[in-house]
Amino acid sequence: SVHSLADADLTTVVLPADSELHVAVAEGREAAGIEDARYALSGTLSERVLQTGKPLRLADAEDSEALDGRTAYLRGQVRVGPAMVLPLLGREDVRGTLVVMRGRGRRPFARVEAELATTFANQASIALELAEARRDQQRVLLLEDRARIARDLHDHVIQQVFAAGLVVQATAANVDDPASVSSLQE
C-alpha cells in the first residue's frame, strides 16, 4: 500500500460529506482514533485539493501561514509534519483525498514519492468508482426484481377478482329473489 511504500506514519482516505470530511479509511500510527471520524471541511488542506483537483506536498502540514491559513484536518489530534494531500479524481469531479503524513521532524516527501502516491490515488479512485457502479447495478437489479414481483402480484390479484366476479354471476343466476339478484349484479 501507499502507506508502506511512502514510509508514512499515517495515511487516510478522506471523503466529503456535506460540509464535513469523513475519514473513511485510516492506516498507521493513531489510525484507530481517527478512522470514521468527521471534521469540518472549511479551511482544510483537503478542501483546497477537493476544489482545485491538484495535489499538495508540504514540508510541514502544521505551517498554516504557508497555505492561506489552511490546516490539516487532524491538527490538534495528531502531530503532523510532512504531508501529501492527493486528489481522488473521478470521471466528473474530485471524490475525496488521500492524505499521507509523517510525524513532526521527519524528512519531507520527495517528488518521486509524491508521484508514486498519485499513481496509487488514481488507482484508488478507479476502485471507488467501480465499487459505486457495482452498488448502483445491484440497486437497479433489485428495483427490476421488485417491479417484476409487483407485476406478478398485480396479475394474480386481477385473476382472483375476475374469478370472484364469475362466482358472483353464477350465484346470481341461481337466486330467485329479484332484490338479491340486483345486489349481486352490482
Protein backbone atom coordinates (compact mmCIF):
# COMPACT_ATOMS: atom_id res chain seq x y z
CA SER A 1 0.00 0.00 0.00
CA VAL A 2 0.99 3.63 -0.34
CA HIS A 3 1.38 3.79 3.44
CA SER A 4 4.34 1.42 3.50
CA LEU A 5 5.80 2.50 0.14
CA ALA A 6 5.90 6.14 1.22
CA ASP A 7 7.26 5.28 4.67
CA ALA A 8 4.32 7.19 6.17
CA ASP A 9 3.26 7.33 9.80
CA LEU A 10 -0.42 7.83 8.99
CA THR A 11 -2.40 7.50 5.76
CA THR A 12 -6.09 8.29 5.38
CA VAL A 13 -8.75 8.30 2.70
CA VAL A 14 -10.95 11.31 3.32
CA LEU A 15 -14.34 11.75 1.67
CA PRO A 16 -16.50 14.88 1.70
CA ALA A 17 -19.88 14.52 3.40
CA ASP A 18 -21.92 17.72 3.15
CA SER A 19 -19.85 20.38 4.95
CA GLU A 20 -17.65 17.81 6.67
CA LEU A 21 -14.80 15.45 5.95
CA HIS A 22 -15.24 11.78 6.75
CA VAL A 23 -12.15 9.67 7.43
CA ALA A 24 -13.28 6.55 5.58
CA VAL A 25 -10.02 4.62 6.00
CA ALA A 26 -7.01 5.17 8.23
CA GLU A 27 -3.79 3.18 8.43
CA GLY A 28 -0.77 3.63 10.65
CA ARG A 29 0.05 5.31 13.93
CA GLU A 30 -3.06 6.65 15.72
CA ALA A 31 -5.32 5.30 12.94
CA ALA A 32 -7.74 3.67 15.38
CA GLY A 33 -8.53 7.01 16.99
CA ILE A 34 -9.46 8.79 13.76
CA GLU A 35 -10.98 6.17 11.45
CA ASP A 36 -14.63 7.01 10.80
CA ALA A 37 -14.18 10.45 12.40
CA ARG A 38 -15.79 13.59 10.96
CA TYR A 39 -14.28 17.05 10.79
CA ALA A 40 -15.29 20.44 9.43
CA LEU A 41 -14.35 20.77 5.76
CA SER A 42 -13.90 24.52 5.75
CA GLY A 43 -10.35 25.83 5.91
CA THR A 44 -8.64 22.46 5.46
CA LEU A 45 -5.96 21.32 3.06
CA SER A 46 -8.35 18.64 1.80
CA GLU A 47 -10.91 21.32 0.93
CA ARG A 48 -8.32 23.04 -1.25
CA VAL A 49 -7.45 19.81 -3.04
CA LEU A 50 -11.15 18.98 -3.48
CA GLN A 51 -11.68 22.42 -5.06
CA THR A 52 -8.61 22.51 -7.30
CA GLY A 53 -8.04 18.83 -8.05
CA LYS A 54 -4.30 19.44 -7.62
CA PRO A 55 -2.08 17.61 -5.13
CA LEU A 56 -0.25 19.34 -2.29
CA ARG A 57 3.14 18.31 -0.94
CA LEU A 58 4.10 20.05 2.30
CA ALA A 59 7.25 20.07 4.37
CA ASP A 60 5.15 20.92 7.43
CA ALA A 61 1.36 20.48 7.34
CA GLU A 62 1.01 22.49 10.55
CA ASP A 63 2.52 25.59 8.92
CA SER A 64 -0.84 27.16 8.10
CA GLU A 65 0.78 30.50 7.20
CA ALA A 66 2.22 28.97 4.02
CA LEU A 67 -1.26 27.91 2.83
CA ASP A 68 -3.57 30.87 3.45
CA GLY A 69 -4.37 29.69 6.96
CA ARG A 70 -5.47 26.23 5.83
CA THR A 71 -4.76 23.39 8.22
CA ALA A 72 -4.57 19.62 8.26
CA TYR A 73 -7.96 18.34 9.39
CA LEU A 74 -6.22 16.29 12.11
CA ARG A 75 -4.39 19.23 13.61
CA GLY A 76 -4.68 19.16 17.36
CA GLN A 77 -5.39 15.44 17.41
CA VAL A 78 -2.33 14.08 15.60
CA ARG A 79 1.10 15.72 15.43
CA VAL A 80 1.57 16.17 11.69
CA GLY A 81 4.82 17.05 9.96
CA PRO A 82 5.43 16.47 6.24
CA ALA A 83 2.30 15.60 4.31
CA MET A 84 0.89 14.93 0.88
CA VAL A 85 -2.75 15.60 0.12
CA LEU A 86 -3.68 13.95 -3.16
CA PRO A 87 -6.97 14.13 -5.07
CA LEU A 88 -9.02 11.02 -5.69
CA LEU A 89 -10.10 12.03 -9.19
CA GLY A 90 -13.38 10.69 -10.52
CA ARG A 91 -14.75 11.00 -14.03
CA GLU A 92 -16.61 14.19 -13.19
CA ASP A 93 -15.10 15.60 -10.01
CA VAL A 94 -12.76 15.03 -7.09
CA ARG A 95 -14.29 12.28 -4.96
CA GLY A 96 -12.03 12.68 -1.94
CA THR A 97 -8.43 12.94 -0.86
CA LEU A 98 -5.62 10.57 0.03
CA VAL A 99 -3.70 12.16 2.91
CA VAL A 100 -0.24 10.72 3.56
CA MET A 101 1.57 12.04 6.63
CA ARG A 102 4.79 11.70 8.52
CA GLY A 103 5.39 12.76 12.10
CA ARG A 104 7.00 16.02 13.19
CA GLY A 105 10.71 16.23 12.49
CA ARG A 106 10.74 13.60 9.76
CA ARG A 107 12.01 14.34 6.27
CA PRO A 108 9.60 15.81 3.70
CA PHE A 109 8.21 13.61 0.93
CA ALA A 110 10.31 13.55 -2.24
CA ARG A 111 8.83 14.26 -5.67
CA VAL A 112 9.21 10.58 -6.59
CA GLU A 113 7.20 9.56 -3.50
CA ALA A 114 4.51 12.08 -4.47
CA GLU A 115 4.35 10.65 -8.00
CA LEU A 116 4.08 7.13 -6.66
CA ALA A 117 1.33 8.14 -4.23
CA THR A 118 -0.50 10.00 -7.03
CA THR A 119 -0.49 6.82 -9.13
CA PHE A 120 -1.92 4.92 -6.17
CA ALA A 121 -4.55 7.66 -5.62
CA ASN A 122 -5.62 7.34 -9.26
CA GLN A 123 -5.99 3.57 -8.86
CA ALA A 124 -7.94 4.07 -5.63
CA SER A 125 -10.26 6.48 -7.45
CA ILE A 126 -10.96 3.89 -10.12
CA ALA A 127 -11.65 1.28 -7.43
CA LEU A 128 -14.11 3.66 -5.70
CA GLU A 129 -15.92 4.32 -8.97
CA LEU A 130 -16.11 0.60 -9.76
CA ALA A 131 -17.49 -0.16 -6.31
CA GLU A 132 -20.08 2.59 -6.71
CA ALA A 133 -21.02 1.32 -10.19
CA ARG A 134 -21.45 -2.21 -8.80
CA ARG A 135 -23.61 -0.89 -5.97
CA ASP A 136 -25.73 1.07 -8.47
CA GLN A 137 -26.04 -2.00 -10.69
CA GLN A 138 -27.19 -4.10 -7.73
CA ARG A 139 -29.77 -1.43 -6.86
CA VAL A 140 -31.08 -1.47 -10.44
CA LEU A 141 -31.34 -5.28 -10.38
CA LEU A 142 -33.17 -5.13 -7.05
CA LEU A 143 -35.61 -2.50 -8.36
CA GLU A 144 -36.21 -4.50 -11.55
CA ASP A 145 -36.88 -7.60 -9.46
CA ARG A 146 -39.31 -5.70 -7.26
CA ALA A 147 -41.12 -4.33 -10.33
CA ARG A 148 -41.44 -7.88 -11.73
CA ILE A 149 -42.84 -9.13 -8.42
CA ALA A 150 -45.30 -6.22 -8.35
CA ARG A 151 -46.47 -7.05 -11.90
CA ASP A 152 -46.89 -10.72 -10.95
CA LEU A 153 -48.87 -9.79 -7.84
CA HIS A 154 -50.97 -7.35 -9.86
CA ASP A 155 -51.80 -10.07 -12.41
CA HIS A 156 -52.57 -12.54 -9.63
CA VAL A 157 -54.91 -10.07 -7.89
CA ILE A 158 -56.73 -9.31 -11.16
CA GLN A 159 -57.20 -13.05 -11.76
CA GLN A 160 -58.59 -13.52 -8.24
CA VAL A 161 -61.00 -10.57 -8.62
CA PHE A 162 -62.16 -11.85 -12.03
CA ALA A 163 -62.72 -15.34 -10.58
CA ALA A 164 -64.70 -13.86 -7.68
CA GLY A 165 -66.84 -11.94 -10.22
CA LEU A 166 -67.63 -15.14 -12.13
CA VAL A 167 -68.66 -16.86 -8.88
CA VAL A 168 -70.97 -13.95 -8.02
CA GLN A 169 -72.54 -14.06 -11.52
CA ALA A 170 -73.11 -17.81 -11.24
CA THR A 171 -74.63 -17.31 -7.78
CA ALA A 172 -76.93 -14.54 -9.10
CA ALA A 173 -78.24 -16.91 -11.79
CA ASN A 174 -79.38 -19.35 -9.07
CA VAL A 175 -81.06 -16.80 -6.79
CA ASP A 176 -84.86 -16.29 -7.01
CA ASP A 177 -85.16 -13.02 -5.04
CA PRO A 178 -85.02 -10.04 -7.51
CA ALA A 179 -83.55 -7.67 -4.85
CA SER A 180 -80.72 -10.13 -4.10
CA VAL A 181 -80.04 -10.63 -7.82
CA SER A 182 -79.82 -6.85 -8.31
CA SER A 183 -77.47 -6.53 -5.35
CA LEU A 184 -75.25 -9.36 -6.63
CA GLN A 185 -75.11 -7.85 -10.13
CA GLU A 186 -73.98 -4.51 -8.73
